[in-house]
Amino acid sequence: MWLRWKAGPAAVAVSHKSVLRCLPHELREPFTLTSHGSQGSPLRLVSRSDEKVQMREVVRLSNVKAETKKLRNIAGTRSIVGIDESGGYQLHEPVIAVALYMPDDLAIAGVDDSKVVDTKRLAPIILSCPDISIGVGASFPNERLYDSVLSRNVAMTRAVFCLRNLLVEQGKDANNLFLIIDGLAIANAWIRSQEHFCGYPAKQAAKADSTYHEVAAASVIATWLRRRATGHNAE
């Protein structure tokens, strides 16, 4: 079972009603979309309409998106999806995982590893972009998933399948995905031996949330939702 969130411009599918309740009822975050030259191709940059993006941020995002382009050597024409999770550090805490797709030429100003940015400010901007598709999966303590790696795998699997169903609903190719996953501890042996996750080609990378923009955006949404679900930084 999966549920669709229809309050915001971004397309979001979630695995549990309790996660759906963490999303705002209405989202009208004003943003601007500008184009900047980036290594021979334009970079479409999303930012808050009341904020001026510094040139050093444009350069940083151009360099980060260049890492996504390098993945084309192994991903080919597949759509690149960033995956990250948050939570599960304590037995009573849920794990929230996010699988996020955005076009290769799209970047969001300020988005970086969720540990070093203001997720409360950035998450609504990400959710305001109609070109972004997001699948959200969760695992909860009452499911008796006491192993932290198992909990993360369950949440990530649910996120991937939510995104797949959402892409099918949108009329997009849900069979032609390439997954980039943050961290080396999650499904480590399986990823290394099979190089697949949930039936899709996949790659794990340490600190992927600071290397790949898609993973960074996923980490921002995952951390923001986990904090809302646990009552921290609730809006």
C-alpha atoms as a PDB file:
ATOM      1  CA  MET A   1       0.000   0.000   0.000  1.00  0.00           C
ATOM      2  CA  TRP A   2       1.203   3.502  -0.782  1.00  0.00           C
ATOM      3  CA  LEU A   3      -0.296   6.940  -0.317  1.00  0.00           C
ATOM      4  CA  ARG A   4      -0.011  10.098  -2.399  1.00  0.00           C
ATOM      5  CA  TRP A   5       0.556  13.564  -0.948  1.00  0.00           C
ATOM      6  CA  LYS A   6      -1.239  16.144  -3.103  1.00  0.00           C
ATOM      7  CA  ALA A   7      -0.706  19.368  -1.150  1.00  0.00           C
ATOM      8  CA  GLY A   8       2.522  20.439  -2.827  1.00  0.00           C
ATOM      9  CA  PRO A   9       3.888  20.921  -6.353  1.00  0.00           C
ATOM     10  CA  ALA A  10       6.426  18.106  -5.932  1.00  0.00           C
ATOM     11  CA  ALA A  11       5.050  14.595  -6.377  1.00  0.00           C
ATOM     12  CA  VAL A  12       5.380  12.630  -3.112  1.00  0.00           C
ATOM     13  CA  ALA A  13       4.343   9.051  -2.314  1.00  0.00           C
ATOM     14  CA  VAL A  14       4.607   7.640   1.213  1.00  0.00           C
ATOM     15  CA  SER A  15       4.367   4.183   2.733  1.00  0.00           C
ATOM     16  CA  HIS A  16       2.465   4.974   5.953  1.00  0.00           C
ATOM     17  CA  LYS A  17      -0.330   7.309   7.043  1.00  0.00           C
ATOM     18  CA  SER A  18       1.769   8.369  10.022  1.00  0.00           C
ATOM     19  CA  VAL A  19       4.398   9.699   7.609  1.00  0.00           C
ATOM     20  CA  LEU A  20       1.715  11.411   5.540  1.00  0.00           C
ATOM     21  CA  ARG A  21       0.594  13.286   8.651  1.00  0.00           C
ATOM     22  CA  CYS A  22       4.108  14.727   8.995  1.00  0.00           C
ATOM     23  CA  LEU A  23       3.776  16.557   5.685  1.00  0.00           C
ATOM     24  CA  PRO A  24       2.240  20.053   5.753  1.00  0.00           C
ATOM     25  CA  HIS A  25      -1.396  20.327   4.690  1.00  0.00           C
ATOM     26  CA  GLU A  26      -0.594  23.176   2.331  1.00  0.00           C
ATOM     27  CA  LEU A  27       2.650  24.227   0.736  1.00  0.00           C
ATOM     28  CA  ARG A  28       3.034  27.488  -1.118  1.00  0.00           C
ATOM     29  CA  GLU A  29       6.753  28.110  -0.873  1.00  0.00           C
ATOM     30  CA  PRO A  30       7.718  30.862  -3.364  1.00  0.00           C
ATOM     31  CA  PHE A  31      10.761  29.973  -5.438  1.00  0.00           C
ATOM     32  CA  THR A  32      12.530  31.176  -8.551  1.00  0.00           C
ATOM     33  CA  LEU A  33      14.077  29.084 -11.323  1.00  0.00           C
ATOM     34  CA  THR A  34      17.095  30.569 -13.070  1.00  0.00           C
ATOM     35  CA  SER A  35      19.614  29.208 -15.562  1.00  0.00           C
ATOM     36  CA  HIS A  36      23.392  29.463 -15.229  1.00  0.00           C
ATOM     37  CA  GLY A  37      26.178  28.271 -17.517  1.00  0.00           C
ATOM     38  CA  SER A  38      27.768  25.118 -16.160  1.00  0.00           C
ATOM     39  CA  GLN A  39      30.595  23.277 -17.891  1.00  0.00           C
ATOM     40  CA  GLY A  40      29.085  23.622 -21.335  1.00  0.00           C
ATOM     41  CA  SER A  41      25.464  23.028 -20.290  1.00  0.00           C
ATOM     42  CA  PRO A  42      22.932  25.201 -18.435  1.00  0.00           C
ATOM     43  CA  LEU A  43      22.172  24.536 -14.782  1.00  0.00           C
ATOM     44  CA  ARG A  44      18.587  25.221 -13.727  1.00  0.00           C
ATOM     45  CA  LEU A  45      18.837  26.600 -10.220  1.00  0.00           C
ATOM     46  CA  VAL A  46      15.955  26.634  -7.723  1.00  0.00           C
ATOM     47  CA  SER A  47      16.088  29.122  -4.849  1.00  0.00           C
ATOM     48  CA  ARG A  48      13.803  31.093  -2.579  1.00  0.00           C
ATOM     49  CA  SER A  49      12.395  34.105  -4.383  1.00  0.00           C
ATOM     50  CA  ASP A  50      13.530  36.421  -1.572  1.00  0.00           C
ATOM     51  CA  GLU A  51      17.136  35.173  -1.512  1.00  0.00           C
ATOM     52  CA  LYS A  52      20.002  36.070  -3.808  1.00  0.00           C
ATOM     53  CA  VAL A  53      22.211  33.147  -4.768  1.00  0.00           C
ATOM     54  CA  GLN A  54      25.921  33.919  -4.534  1.00  0.00           C
ATOM     55  CA  MET A  55      28.192  32.978  -7.423  1.00  0.00           C
ATOM     56  CA  ARG A  56      30.245  30.686  -5.170  1.00  0.00           C
ATOM     57  CA  GLU A  57      27.071  28.666  -4.528  1.00  0.00           C
ATOM     58  CA  VAL A  58      26.470  28.386  -8.273  1.00  0.00           C
ATOM     59  CA  VAL A  59      30.039  27.118  -8.692  1.00  0.00           C
ATOM     60  CA  ARG A  60      29.622  24.626  -5.799  1.00  0.00           C
ATOM     61  CA  LEU A  61      26.400  23.255  -7.246  1.00  0.00           C
ATOM     62  CA  SER A  62      27.940  23.034 -10.715  1.00  0.00           C
ATOM     63  CA  ASN A  63      30.763  20.937  -9.275  1.00  0.00           C
ATOM     64  CA  VAL A  64      28.356  18.727  -7.328  1.00  0.00           C
ATOM     65  CA  LYS A  65      26.140  18.133 -10.352  1.00  0.00           C
ATOM     66  CA  ALA A  66      29.282  17.261 -12.315  1.00  0.00           C
ATOM     67  CA  GLU A  67      29.557  14.217 -10.012  1.00  0.00           C
ATOM     68  CA  THR A  68      26.113  13.128 -11.181  1.00  0.00           C
ATOM     69  CA  LYS A  69      27.264  13.411 -14.779  1.00  0.00           C
ATOM     70  CA  LYS A  70      30.197  11.113 -13.991  1.00  0.00           C
ATOM     71  CA  LEU A  71      27.683   8.452 -12.936  1.00  0.00           C
ATOM     72  CA  ARG A  72      26.485   8.360 -16.536  1.00  0.00           C
ATOM     73  CA  ASN A  73      29.496   6.154 -17.283  1.00  0.00           C
ATOM     74  CA  ILE A  74      27.825   3.347 -15.317  1.00  0.00           C
ATOM     75  CA  ALA A  75      24.175   4.484 -15.242  1.00  0.00           C
ATOM     76  CA  GLY A  76      23.868   5.065 -18.975  1.00  0.00           C
ATOM     77  CA  THR A  77      20.481   6.549 -19.836  1.00  0.00           C
ATOM     78  CA  ARG A  78      18.856   5.459 -16.590  1.00  0.00           C
ATOM     79  CA  SER A  79      17.260   8.092 -14.334  1.00  0.00           C
ATOM     80  CA  ILE A  80      19.485   8.662 -11.306  1.00  0.00           C
ATOM     81  CA  VAL A  81      17.746   8.411  -7.920  1.00  0.00           C
ATOM     82  CA  GLY A  82      19.345   9.522  -4.650  1.00  0.00           C
ATOM     83  CA  ILE A  83      18.546   7.550  -1.485  1.00  0.00           C
ATOM     84  CA  ASP A  84      19.230   8.419   2.133  1.00  0.00           C
ATOM     85  CA  GLU A  85      17.683   7.689   5.515  1.00  0.00           C
ATOM     86  CA  SER A  86      17.447   9.259   8.940  1.00  0.00           C
ATOM     87  CA  GLY A  87      16.697   7.905  12.393  1.00  0.00           C
ATOM     88  CA  GLY A  88      16.848   4.495  14.013  1.00  0.00           C
ATOM     89  CA  TYR A  89      19.594   5.552  16.379  1.00  0.00           C
ATOM     90  CA  GLN A  90      17.407   4.498  19.316  1.00  0.00           C
ATOM     91  CA  LEU A  91      14.991   1.587  19.608  1.00  0.00           C
ATOM     92  CA  HIS A  92      11.929   3.784  20.022  1.00  0.00           C
ATOM     93  CA  GLU A  93      12.765   5.974  17.010  1.00  0.00           C
ATOM     94  CA  PRO A  94      11.445   5.396  13.460  1.00  0.00           C
ATOM     95  CA  VAL A  95      13.660   5.211  10.401  1.00  0.00           C
ATOM     96  CA  ILE A  96      12.595   7.483   7.547  1.00  0.00           C
ATOM     97  CA  ALA A  97      14.081   6.820   4.103  1.00  0.00           C
ATOM     98  CA  VAL A  98      13.690   8.941   0.977  1.00  0.00           C
ATOM     99  CA  ALA A  99      14.231   8.020  -2.678  1.00  0.00           C
ATOM    100  CA  LEU A 100      14.384  11.210  -4.730  1.00  0.00           C
ATOM    101  CA  TYR A 101      14.501  11.836  -8.454  1.00  0.00           C
ATOM    102  CA  MET A 102      15.387  15.153 -10.044  1.00  0.00           C
ATOM    103  CA  PRO A 103      16.528  15.972 -13.598  1.00  0.00           C
ATOM    104  CA  ASP A 104      20.291  16.041 -14.160  1.00  0.00           C
ATOM    105  CA  ASP A 105      20.270  19.773 -14.933  1.00  0.00           C
ATOM    106  CA  LEU A 106      18.310  20.790 -11.810  1.00  0.00           C
ATOM    107  CA  ALA A 107      19.911  22.006  -8.565  1.00  0.00           C
ATOM    108  CA  ILE A 108      18.556  23.560  -5.372  1.00  0.00           C
ATOM    109  CA  ALA A 109      20.468  26.405  -3.771  1.00  0.00           C
ATOM    110  CA  GLY A 110      21.756  25.644  -0.279  1.00  0.00           C
ATOM    111  CA  VAL A 111      21.106  21.894  -0.371  1.00  0.00           C
ATOM    112  CA  ASP A 112      23.950  19.857   1.120  1.00  0.00           C
ATOM    113  CA  ASP A 113      24.437  17.124   3.710  1.00  0.00           C
ATOM    114  CA  SER A 114      21.514  17.464   6.143  1.00  0.00           C
ATOM    115  CA  LYS A 115      23.926  17.537   9.084  1.00  0.00           C
ATOM    116  CA  VAL A 116      25.286  20.938   8.008  1.00  0.00           C
ATOM    117  CA  VAL A 117      22.212  22.752   6.643  1.00  0.00           C
ATOM    118  CA  ASP A 118      18.866  24.061   7.921  1.00  0.00           C
ATOM    119  CA  THR A 119      16.492  21.284   6.840  1.00  0.00           C
ATOM    120  CA  LYS A 120      13.463  23.201   8.109  1.00  0.00           C
ATOM    121  CA  ARG A 121      14.194  25.990   5.629  1.00  0.00           C
ATOM    122  CA  LEU A 122      15.272  23.831   2.686  1.00  0.00           C
ATOM    123  CA  ALA A 123      12.704  21.008   2.741  1.00  0.00           C
ATOM    124  CA  PRO A 124       9.763  23.226   1.663  1.00  0.00           C
ATOM    125  CA  ILE A 125      11.822  24.556  -1.248  1.00  0.00           C
ATOM    126  CA  ILE A 126      12.536  21.005  -2.446  1.00  0.00           C
ATOM    127  CA  LEU A 127       8.871  20.074  -2.065  1.00  0.00           C
ATOM    128  CA  SER A 128       7.867  23.192  -4.025  1.00  0.00           C
ATOM    129  CA  CYS A 129       9.620  22.043  -7.188  1.00  0.00           C
ATOM    130  CA  PRO A 130       7.253  20.227  -9.586  1.00  0.00           C
ATOM    131  CA  ASP A 131      10.145  18.531 -11.440  1.00  0.00           C
ATOM    132  CA  ILE A 132      11.013  16.458  -8.369  1.00  0.00           C
ATOM    133  CA  SER A 133       9.492  13.059  -7.513  1.00  0.00           C
ATOM    134  CA  ILE A 134       9.894  11.570  -4.036  1.00  0.00           C
ATOM    135  CA  GLY A 135       9.190   8.209  -2.447  1.00  0.00           C
ATOM    136  CA  VAL A 136       9.146   8.019   1.358  1.00  0.00           C
ATOM    137  CA  GLY A 137       9.439   4.773   3.296  1.00  0.00           C
ATOM    138  CA  ALA A 138       9.486   4.170   7.034  1.00  0.00           C
ATOM    139  CA  SER A 139      10.092   1.404   9.531  1.00  0.00           C
ATOM    140  CA  PHE A 140       8.819   1.629  13.086  1.00  0.00           C
ATOM    141  CA  PRO A 141       9.815   0.101  16.448  1.00  0.00           C
ATOM    142  CA  ASN A 142       6.489  -1.756  16.714  1.00  0.00           C
ATOM    143  CA  GLU A 143       7.506  -3.808  13.673  1.00  0.00           C
ATOM    144  CA  ARG A 144      10.156  -5.452  15.887  1.00  0.00           C
ATOM    145  CA  LEU A 145      12.948  -4.555  13.499  1.00  0.00           C
ATOM    146  CA  TYR A 146      15.536  -4.291  16.242  1.00  0.00           C
ATOM    147  CA  ASP A 147      18.488  -4.658  13.911  1.00  0.00           C
ATOM    148  CA  SER A 148      19.409  -1.146  12.740  1.00  0.00           C
ATOM    149  CA  VAL A 149      20.659  -2.318   9.343  1.00  0.00           C
ATOM    150  CA  LEU A 150      17.457  -4.298   8.752  1.00  0.00           C
ATOM    151  CA  SER A 151      15.339  -1.303   9.757  1.00  0.00           C
ATOM    152  CA  ARG A 152      17.179   0.896   7.288  1.00  0.00           C
ATOM    153  CA  ASN A 153      16.865  -1.672   4.515  1.00  0.00           C
ATOM    154  CA  VAL A 154      13.120  -2.013   5.112  1.00  0.00           C
ATOM    155  CA  ALA A 155      12.624   1.763   5.064  1.00  0.00           C
ATOM    156  CA  MET A 156      14.731   2.194   1.923  1.00  0.00           C
ATOM    157  CA  THR A 157      12.944  -0.653   0.142  1.00  0.00           C
ATOM    158  CA  ARG A 158       9.584   0.942   0.892  1.00  0.00           C
ATOM    159  CA  ALA A 159      10.863   4.321  -0.343  1.00  0.00           C
ATOM    160  CA  VAL A 160      12.046   2.829  -3.640  1.00  0.00           C
ATOM    161  CA  PHE A 161       8.755   1.046  -4.265  1.00  0.00           C
ATOM    162  CA  CYS A 162       6.768   4.187  -3.396  1.00  0.00           C
ATOM    163  CA  LEU A 163       8.828   6.131  -5.918  1.00  0.00           C
ATOM    164  CA  ARG A 164       8.417   3.409  -8.526  1.00  0.00           C
ATOM    165  CA  ASN A 165       4.621   3.431  -8.133  1.00  0.00           C
ATOM    166  CA  LEU A 166       4.593   7.214  -8.269  1.00  0.00           C
ATOM    167  CA  LEU A 167       6.607   7.306 -11.494  1.00  0.00           C
ATOM    168  CA  VAL A 168       4.219   4.773 -13.045  1.00  0.00           C
ATOM    169  CA  GLU A 169       1.310   7.010 -12.063  1.00  0.00           C
ATOM    170  CA  GLN A 170       3.095   9.970 -13.658  1.00  0.00           C
ATOM    171  CA  GLY A 171       3.556   8.045 -16.890  1.00  0.00           C
ATOM    172  CA  LYS A 172       7.349   7.951 -16.502  1.00  0.00           C
ATOM    173  CA  ASP A 173       9.675   5.005 -17.018  1.00  0.00           C
ATOM    174  CA  ALA A 174       9.914   3.339 -13.605  1.00  0.00           C
ATOM    175  CA  ASN A 175      12.002   0.424 -14.894  1.00  0.00           C
ATOM    176  CA  ASN A 176      14.947   2.524 -16.005  1.00  0.00           C
ATOM    177  CA  LEU A 177      16.393   3.754 -12.695  1.00  0.00           C
ATOM    178  CA  PHE A 178      19.880   3.834 -11.204  1.00  0.00           C
ATOM    179  CA  LEU A 179      20.125   4.145  -7.405  1.00  0.00           C
ATOM    180  CA  ILE A 180      22.884   5.999  -5.574  1.00  0.00           C
ATOM    181  CA  ILE A 181      22.770   5.175  -1.846  1.00  0.00           C
ATOM    182  CA  ASP A 182      24.465   7.006   0.999  1.00  0.00           C
ATOM    183  CA  GLY A 183      26.704   5.007   3.327  1.00  0.00           C
ATOM    184  CA  LEU A 184      28.590   1.728   3.246  1.00  0.00           C
ATOM    185  CA  ALA A 185      26.906  -0.141   6.104  1.00  0.00           C
ATOM    186  CA  ILE A 186      23.456  -0.459   4.547  1.00  0.00           C
ATOM    187  CA  ALA A 187      22.919  -3.720   2.683  1.00  0.00           C
ATOM    188  CA  ASN A 188      26.679  -3.682   2.260  1.00  0.00           C
ATOM    189  CA  ALA A 189      27.361  -7.282   1.271  1.00  0.00           C
ATOM    190  CA  TRP A 190      24.344  -7.445  -1.053  1.00  0.00           C
ATOM    191  CA  ILE A 191      25.168  -4.211  -2.874  1.00  0.00           C
ATOM    192  CA  ARG A 192      28.828  -5.150  -3.324  1.00  0.00           C
ATOM    193  CA  SER A 193      28.125  -8.640  -4.604  1.00  0.00           C
ATOM    194  CA  GLN A 194      25.007  -8.041  -6.681  1.00  0.00           C
ATOM    195  CA  GLU A 195      25.283  -4.300  -7.408  1.00  0.00           C
ATOM    196  CA  HIS A 196      21.508  -4.153  -7.300  1.00  0.00           C
ATOM    197  CA  PHE A 197      18.941  -2.968  -4.779  1.00  0.00           C
ATOM    198  CA  CYS A 198      15.214  -3.653  -5.145  1.00  0.00           C
ATOM    199  CA  GLY A 199      15.923  -4.991  -8.620  1.00  0.00           C
ATOM    200  CA  TYR A 200      17.647  -1.805  -9.812  1.00  0.00           C
ATOM    201  CA  PRO A 201      21.333  -1.206 -10.549  1.00  0.00           C
ATOM    202  CA  ALA A 202      22.798   0.554  -7.520  1.00  0.00           C
ATOM    203  CA  LYS A 203      25.934   2.122  -6.147  1.00  0.00           C
ATOM    204  CA  GLN A 204      26.807   2.851  -2.528  1.00  0.00           C
ATOM    205  CA  ALA A 205      29.187   5.645  -1.633  1.00  0.00           C
ATOM    206  CA  ALA A 206      30.543   6.969   1.639  1.00  0.00           C
ATOM    207  CA  LYS A 207      29.418  10.567   2.243  1.00  0.00           C
ATOM    208  CA  ALA A 208      27.229  10.439  -0.839  1.00  0.00           C
ATOM    209  CA  ASP A 209      25.038  13.123   0.753  1.00  0.00           C
ATOM    210  CA  SER A 210      27.898  15.601   0.357  1.00  0.00           C
ATOM    211  CA  THR A 211      28.988  14.316  -3.057  1.00  0.00           C
ATOM    212  CA  TYR A 212      25.756  13.787  -5.018  1.00  0.00           C
ATOM    213  CA  HIS A 213      23.069  16.467  -5.096  1.00  0.00           C
ATOM    214  CA  GLU A 214      20.235  13.943  -5.403  1.00  0.00           C
ATOM    215  CA  VAL A 215      21.345  12.175  -2.215  1.00  0.00           C
ATOM    216  CA  ALA A 216      21.806  15.490  -0.399  1.00  0.00           C
ATOM    217  CA  ALA A 217      18.233  16.503  -1.258  1.00  0.00           C
ATOM    218  CA  ALA A 218      16.982  13.096  -0.095  1.00  0.00           C
ATOM    219  CA  SER A 219      18.880  13.501   3.195  1.00  0.00           C
ATOM    220  CA  VAL A 220      17.287  16.917   3.797  1.00  0.00           C
ATOM    221  CA  ILE A 221      13.756  15.536   3.315  1.00  0.00           C
ATOM    222  CA  ALA A 222      14.460  12.399   5.382  1.00  0.00           C
ATOM    223  CA  THR A 223      15.895  14.361   8.319  1.00  0.00           C
ATOM    224  CA  TRP A 224      13.118  16.947   8.171  1.00  0.00           C
ATOM    225  CA  LEU A 225      10.384  14.279   8.173  1.00  0.00           C
ATOM    226  CA  ARG A 226      12.049  12.291  10.954  1.00  0.00           C
ATOM    227  CA  ARG A 227      12.236  15.397  13.135  1.00  0.00           C
ATOM    228  CA  ARG A 228       8.577  16.163  12.464  1.00  0.00           C
ATOM    229  CA  ALA A 229       7.613  12.548  13.204  1.00  0.00           C
ATOM    230  CA  THR A 230       9.467  12.609  16.547  1.00  0.00           C
ATOM    231  CA  GLY A 231       8.349  16.122  17.523  1.00  0.00           C
ATOM    232  CA  HIS A 232      11.709  17.812  16.975  1.00  0.00           C
ATOM    233  CA  ASN A 233      11.741  21.058  15.014  1.00  0.00           C
ATOM    234  CA  ALA A 234       8.064  20.642  14.280  1.00  0.00           C
ATOM    235  CA  GLU A 235       6.516  23.483  12.331  1.00  0.00           C
END
